[in-house]
Amino acid sequence: MFFLAIIQLTLVLHVRNTLIDAAASGARYGTLADRGAGDAAERTRTLIGAALNPGFAENVSTSEVSIEGFRTLEVTVRAPMPVIGLIGPREMLEVKGHAAVQP
């Protein structure tokens, strides 16, 4: 039983880290000169769908925020918390990725 708990905790951390990476990559993609916030959200969904499951990419949002006086693009992902395998309560896990908006 203890072994299964360790495996599940490892899966939760893997999902969380994958979501953070996808959100940050999507934010960086959205701040390129010829891209926008919509492109950032779509890129994030694509990365999550390829790495995990499209069900984890259902709630992706973007906004422009100011962090310490710098304009940044923020990509927020709300996804299920994997409790039993990849199944779990919806939108319990929230991660954000940021990238500086070029002037």
N, C-alpha and C. Protein backbone atom coordinates (compact mmCIF):
# COMPACT_ATOMS: atom_id res chain seq x y z
N MET A 1 0.83 -1.20 0.00
CA MET A 1 0.00 0.00 0.00
C MET A 1 0.87 1.26 0.00
N PHE A 2 1.94 1.24 0.79
CA PHE A 2 2.83 2.39 0.86
C PHE A 2 3.46 2.66 -0.50
N PHE A 3 3.82 1.59 -1.20
CA PHE A 3 4.41 1.72 -2.53
C PHE A 3 3.46 2.42 -3.50
N LEU A 4 2.17 2.06 -3.45
CA LEU A 4 1.17 2.69 -4.32
C LEU A 4 1.01 4.18 -4.00
N ALA A 5 1.09 4.53 -2.72
CA ALA A 5 1.00 5.94 -2.34
C ALA A 5 2.18 6.73 -2.89
N ILE A 6 3.36 6.15 -2.86
CA ILE A 6 4.55 6.81 -3.41
C ILE A 6 4.41 6.99 -4.92
N ILE A 7 3.91 5.97 -5.60
CA ILE A 7 3.71 6.05 -7.05
C ILE A 7 2.70 7.15 -7.37
N GLN A 8 1.61 7.24 -6.61
CA GLN A 8 0.59 8.26 -6.86
C GLN A 8 1.14 9.66 -6.61
N LEU A 9 1.91 9.83 -5.55
CA LEU A 9 2.53 11.13 -5.28
C LEU A 9 3.47 11.53 -6.41
N THR A 10 4.21 10.58 -6.91
CA THR A 10 5.10 10.84 -8.04
C THR A 10 4.31 11.26 -9.27
N LEU A 11 3.17 10.64 -9.51
CA LEU A 11 2.32 11.01 -10.64
C LEU A 11 1.77 12.42 -10.48
N VAL A 12 1.35 12.78 -9.27
CA VAL A 12 0.85 14.14 -9.01
C VAL A 12 1.93 15.16 -9.31
N LEU A 13 3.14 14.91 -8.85
CA LEU A 13 4.25 15.84 -9.09
C LEU A 13 4.58 15.91 -10.58
N HIS A 14 4.52 14.79 -11.26
CA HIS A 14 4.78 14.79 -12.71
C HIS A 14 3.74 15.65 -13.44
N VAL A 15 2.47 15.47 -13.10
CA VAL A 15 1.40 16.25 -13.74
C VAL A 15 1.59 17.73 -13.45
N ARG A 16 1.85 18.07 -12.20
CA ARG A 16 2.05 19.47 -11.82
C ARG A 16 3.21 20.09 -12.58
N ASN A 17 4.34 19.41 -12.62
CA ASN A 17 5.52 19.94 -13.31
C ASN A 17 5.28 20.07 -14.81
N THR A 18 4.56 19.13 -15.39
CA THR A 18 4.25 19.19 -16.82
C THR A 18 3.34 20.37 -17.12
N LEU A 19 2.35 20.62 -16.26
CA LEU A 19 1.46 21.76 -16.45
C LEU A 19 2.21 23.08 -16.31
N ILE A 20 3.10 23.17 -15.34
CA ILE A 20 3.90 24.40 -15.16
C ILE A 20 4.76 24.65 -16.39
N ASP A 21 5.40 23.60 -16.89
CA ASP A 21 6.25 23.75 -18.07
C ASP A 21 5.44 24.18 -19.28
N ALA A 22 4.27 23.58 -19.48
CA ALA A 22 3.43 23.94 -20.63
C ALA A 22 2.93 25.37 -20.52
N ALA A 23 2.55 25.81 -19.31
CA ALA A 23 2.08 27.18 -19.12
C ALA A 23 3.20 28.18 -19.39
N ALA A 24 4.39 27.91 -18.89
CA ALA A 24 5.53 28.81 -19.11
C ALA A 24 5.93 28.84 -20.59
N SER A 25 5.95 27.69 -21.23
CA SER A 25 6.29 27.63 -22.66
C SER A 25 5.24 28.36 -23.50
N GLY A 26 3.98 28.17 -23.15
CA GLY A 26 2.91 28.88 -23.85
C GLY A 26 3.01 30.38 -23.68
N ALA A 27 3.34 30.83 -22.47
CA ALA A 27 3.49 32.27 -22.22
C ALA A 27 4.64 32.84 -23.04
N ARG A 28 5.76 32.15 -23.09
CA ARG A 28 6.89 32.62 -23.89
C ARG A 28 6.53 32.67 -25.37
N TYR A 29 5.81 31.67 -25.84
CA TYR A 29 5.38 31.62 -27.24
C TYR A 29 4.45 32.80 -27.55
N GLY A 30 3.57 33.13 -26.63
CA GLY A 30 2.62 34.21 -26.84
C GLY A 30 3.23 35.60 -26.84
N THR A 31 4.44 35.73 -26.31
CA THR A 31 5.08 37.05 -26.28
C THR A 31 6.02 37.27 -27.46
N LEU A 32 6.11 36.33 -28.37
CA LEU A 32 6.90 36.56 -29.57
C LEU A 32 6.27 37.69 -30.39
N ALA A 33 7.07 38.32 -31.23
CA ALA A 33 6.64 39.52 -31.95
C ALA A 33 5.37 39.31 -32.79
N ASP A 34 5.22 38.16 -33.40
CA ASP A 34 4.07 37.94 -34.27
C ASP A 34 2.99 37.07 -33.63
N ARG A 35 2.99 36.94 -32.32
CA ARG A 35 2.02 36.09 -31.61
C ARG A 35 1.25 36.91 -30.58
N GLY A 36 0.21 36.30 -30.01
CA GLY A 36 -0.59 36.98 -29.01
C GLY A 36 -1.07 36.02 -27.94
N ALA A 37 -1.97 36.52 -27.09
CA ALA A 37 -2.47 35.73 -25.96
C ALA A 37 -3.22 34.49 -26.42
N GLY A 38 -3.97 34.60 -27.51
CA GLY A 38 -4.69 33.44 -28.04
C GLY A 38 -3.74 32.34 -28.49
N ASP A 39 -2.63 32.76 -29.09
CA ASP A 39 -1.61 31.78 -29.50
C ASP A 39 -0.99 31.10 -28.29
N ALA A 40 -0.81 31.86 -27.21
CA ALA A 40 -0.24 31.29 -25.98
C ALA A 40 -1.15 30.21 -25.41
N ALA A 41 -2.45 30.50 -25.37
CA ALA A 41 -3.40 29.52 -24.83
C ALA A 41 -3.44 28.26 -25.70
N GLU A 42 -3.46 28.46 -27.01
CA GLU A 42 -3.51 27.31 -27.92
C GLU A 42 -2.25 26.46 -27.82
N ARG A 43 -1.10 27.11 -27.73
CA ARG A 43 0.17 26.38 -27.59
C ARG A 43 0.18 25.58 -26.29
N THR A 44 -0.32 26.19 -25.21
CA THR A 44 -0.37 25.51 -23.91
C THR A 44 -1.27 24.28 -24.00
N ARG A 45 -2.44 24.43 -24.61
CA ARG A 45 -3.35 23.28 -24.78
C ARG A 45 -2.70 22.16 -25.58
N THR A 46 -2.00 22.53 -26.64
CA THR A 46 -1.34 21.53 -27.49
C THR A 46 -0.28 20.76 -26.71
N LEU A 47 0.54 21.49 -25.94
CA LEU A 47 1.60 20.84 -25.16
C LEU A 47 1.03 19.90 -24.10
N ILE A 48 -0.01 20.36 -23.40
CA ILE A 48 -0.63 19.53 -22.36
C ILE A 48 -1.28 18.30 -22.98
N GLY A 49 -1.98 18.49 -24.10
CA GLY A 49 -2.63 17.36 -24.77
C GLY A 49 -1.63 16.31 -25.23
N ALA A 50 -0.47 16.76 -25.68
CA ALA A 50 0.56 15.82 -26.15
C ALA A 50 1.25 15.11 -24.99
N ALA A 51 1.46 15.81 -23.89
CA ALA A 51 2.22 15.23 -22.77
C ALA A 51 1.35 14.43 -21.81
N LEU A 52 0.11 14.87 -21.60
CA LEU A 52 -0.74 14.20 -20.62
C LEU A 52 -2.00 13.65 -21.28
N ASN A 53 -3.00 14.52 -21.39
CA ASN A 53 -4.30 14.14 -21.90
C ASN A 53 -5.04 15.43 -22.21
N PRO A 54 -5.78 15.52 -23.31
CA PRO A 54 -6.50 16.76 -23.61
C PRO A 54 -7.47 17.20 -22.51
N GLY A 55 -7.91 16.28 -21.68
CA GLY A 55 -8.79 16.63 -20.57
C GLY A 55 -8.14 17.56 -19.55
N PHE A 56 -6.82 17.54 -19.47
CA PHE A 56 -6.11 18.42 -18.55
C PHE A 56 -5.97 19.83 -19.12
N ALA A 57 -6.30 20.02 -20.40
CA ALA A 57 -6.13 21.32 -21.05
C ALA A 57 -7.45 22.03 -21.31
N GLU A 58 -8.51 21.63 -20.63
CA GLU A 58 -9.82 22.21 -20.89
C GLU A 58 -9.96 23.63 -20.35
N ASN A 59 -9.24 23.98 -19.30
CA ASN A 59 -9.39 25.31 -18.70
C ASN A 59 -8.05 26.04 -18.72
N VAL A 60 -7.75 26.68 -19.83
CA VAL A 60 -6.53 27.47 -19.99
C VAL A 60 -6.95 28.91 -20.25
N SER A 61 -6.42 29.84 -19.48
CA SER A 61 -6.75 31.25 -19.68
C SER A 61 -5.48 32.09 -19.70
N THR A 62 -5.57 33.25 -20.33
CA THR A 62 -4.43 34.16 -20.40
C THR A 62 -4.86 35.55 -19.95
N SER A 63 -3.91 36.30 -19.43
CA SER A 63 -4.15 37.70 -19.07
C SER A 63 -2.82 38.42 -19.05
N GLU A 64 -2.90 39.73 -19.22
CA GLU A 64 -1.69 40.54 -19.13
C GLU A 64 -1.67 41.15 -17.74
N VAL A 65 -0.59 40.92 -17.01
CA VAL A 65 -0.45 41.42 -15.64
C VAL A 65 0.86 42.19 -15.51
N SER A 66 0.95 42.95 -14.44
CA SER A 66 2.18 43.69 -14.15
C SER A 66 2.85 43.06 -12.95
N ILE A 67 4.10 42.65 -13.12
CA ILE A 67 4.87 42.07 -12.02
C ILE A 67 6.09 42.95 -11.82
N GLU A 68 6.15 43.59 -10.66
CA GLU A 68 7.24 44.50 -10.32
C GLU A 68 7.45 45.56 -11.40
N GLY A 69 6.35 46.05 -11.95
CA GLY A 69 6.42 47.11 -12.94
C GLY A 69 6.63 46.66 -14.36
N PHE A 70 6.78 45.37 -14.60
CA PHE A 70 7.00 44.85 -15.95
C PHE A 70 5.72 44.20 -16.46
N ARG A 71 5.39 44.51 -17.71
CA ARG A 71 4.23 43.87 -18.34
C ARG A 71 4.58 42.41 -18.64
N THR A 72 3.72 41.52 -18.20
CA THR A 72 3.95 40.09 -18.46
C THR A 72 2.66 39.44 -18.95
N LEU A 73 2.82 38.40 -19.72
CA LEU A 73 1.70 37.57 -20.13
C LEU A 73 1.62 36.40 -19.16
N GLU A 74 0.46 36.21 -18.58
CA GLU A 74 0.27 35.13 -17.60
C GLU A 74 -0.66 34.09 -18.21
N VAL A 75 -0.24 32.85 -18.20
CA VAL A 75 -1.06 31.73 -18.65
C VAL A 75 -1.43 30.91 -17.42
N THR A 76 -2.72 30.75 -17.19
CA THR A 76 -3.22 30.00 -16.03
C THR A 76 -3.88 28.71 -16.51
N VAL A 77 -3.51 27.60 -15.88
CA VAL A 77 -4.09 26.30 -16.21
C VAL A 77 -4.74 25.75 -14.96
N ARG A 78 -6.02 25.41 -15.06
CA ARG A 78 -6.73 24.72 -13.98
C ARG A 78 -7.06 23.32 -14.49
N ALA A 79 -6.59 22.33 -13.75
CA ALA A 79 -6.71 20.94 -14.22
C ALA A 79 -7.10 20.03 -13.06
N PRO A 80 -7.53 18.81 -13.39
CA PRO A 80 -7.86 17.85 -12.33
C PRO A 80 -6.63 17.46 -11.51
N MET A 81 -6.84 17.25 -10.23
CA MET A 81 -5.79 16.73 -9.35
C MET A 81 -5.86 15.21 -9.43
N PRO A 82 -4.83 14.56 -9.97
CA PRO A 82 -4.89 13.10 -10.10
C PRO A 82 -4.84 12.41 -8.73
N VAL A 83 -5.96 11.81 -8.34
CA VAL A 83 -6.05 11.15 -7.04
C VAL A 83 -5.90 9.64 -7.19
N ILE A 84 -6.58 9.08 -8.19
CA ILE A 84 -6.47 7.65 -8.48
C ILE A 84 -6.05 7.55 -9.94
N GLY A 85 -4.79 7.25 -10.18
CA GLY A 85 -4.27 7.31 -11.54
C GLY A 85 -4.33 8.76 -12.01
N LEU A 86 -4.91 8.99 -13.18
CA LEU A 86 -5.08 10.36 -13.68
C LEU A 86 -6.48 10.89 -13.43
N ILE A 87 -7.28 10.18 -12.64
CA ILE A 87 -8.65 10.58 -12.35
C ILE A 87 -8.68 11.35 -11.03
N GLY A 88 -9.44 12.45 -11.01
CA GLY A 88 -9.53 13.21 -9.78
C GLY A 88 -10.47 14.39 -9.92
N PRO A 89 -10.62 15.15 -8.83
CA PRO A 89 -11.53 16.30 -8.84
C PRO A 89 -11.08 17.36 -9.84
N ARG A 90 -12.04 17.92 -10.56
CA ARG A 90 -11.76 18.89 -11.61
C ARG A 90 -11.32 20.24 -11.03
N GLU A 91 -10.44 20.89 -11.75
CA GLU A 91 -9.96 22.24 -11.47
C GLU A 91 -9.43 22.42 -10.05
N MET A 92 -8.87 21.40 -9.48
CA MET A 92 -8.32 21.50 -8.14
C MET A 92 -6.85 21.91 -8.18
N LEU A 93 -6.21 21.68 -9.30
CA LEU A 93 -4.80 21.99 -9.47
C LEU A 93 -4.70 23.23 -10.36
N GLU A 94 -4.07 24.30 -9.85
CA GLU A 94 -3.92 25.53 -10.63
C GLU A 94 -2.45 25.91 -10.69
N VAL A 95 -1.96 26.13 -11.91
CA VAL A 95 -0.57 26.56 -12.11
C VAL A 95 -0.57 27.76 -13.04
N LYS A 96 0.52 28.54 -12.97
CA LYS A 96 0.64 29.72 -13.81
C LYS A 96 2.03 29.78 -14.40
N GLY A 97 2.09 30.31 -15.62
CA GLY A 97 3.36 30.56 -16.28
C GLY A 97 3.40 32.00 -16.74
N HIS A 98 4.58 32.62 -16.69
CA HIS A 98 4.72 34.03 -17.04
C HIS A 98 5.84 34.23 -18.05
N ALA A 99 5.70 35.29 -18.84
CA ALA A 99 6.77 35.71 -19.75
C ALA A 99 6.65 37.21 -19.94
N ALA A 100 7.78 37.88 -20.04
CA ALA A 100 7.80 39.33 -20.22
C ALA A 100 7.30 39.69 -21.62
N VAL A 101 6.44 40.71 -21.68
CA VAL A 101 5.95 41.21 -22.95
C VAL A 101 6.97 42.20 -23.50
N GLN A 102 7.37 42.01 -24.74
CA GLN A 102 8.36 42.89 -25.35
C GLN A 102 7.73 44.25 -25.64
N PRO A 103 8.47 45.34 -25.38
CA PRO A 103 7.91 46.69 -25.62
C PRO A 103 7.74 46.98 -27.09
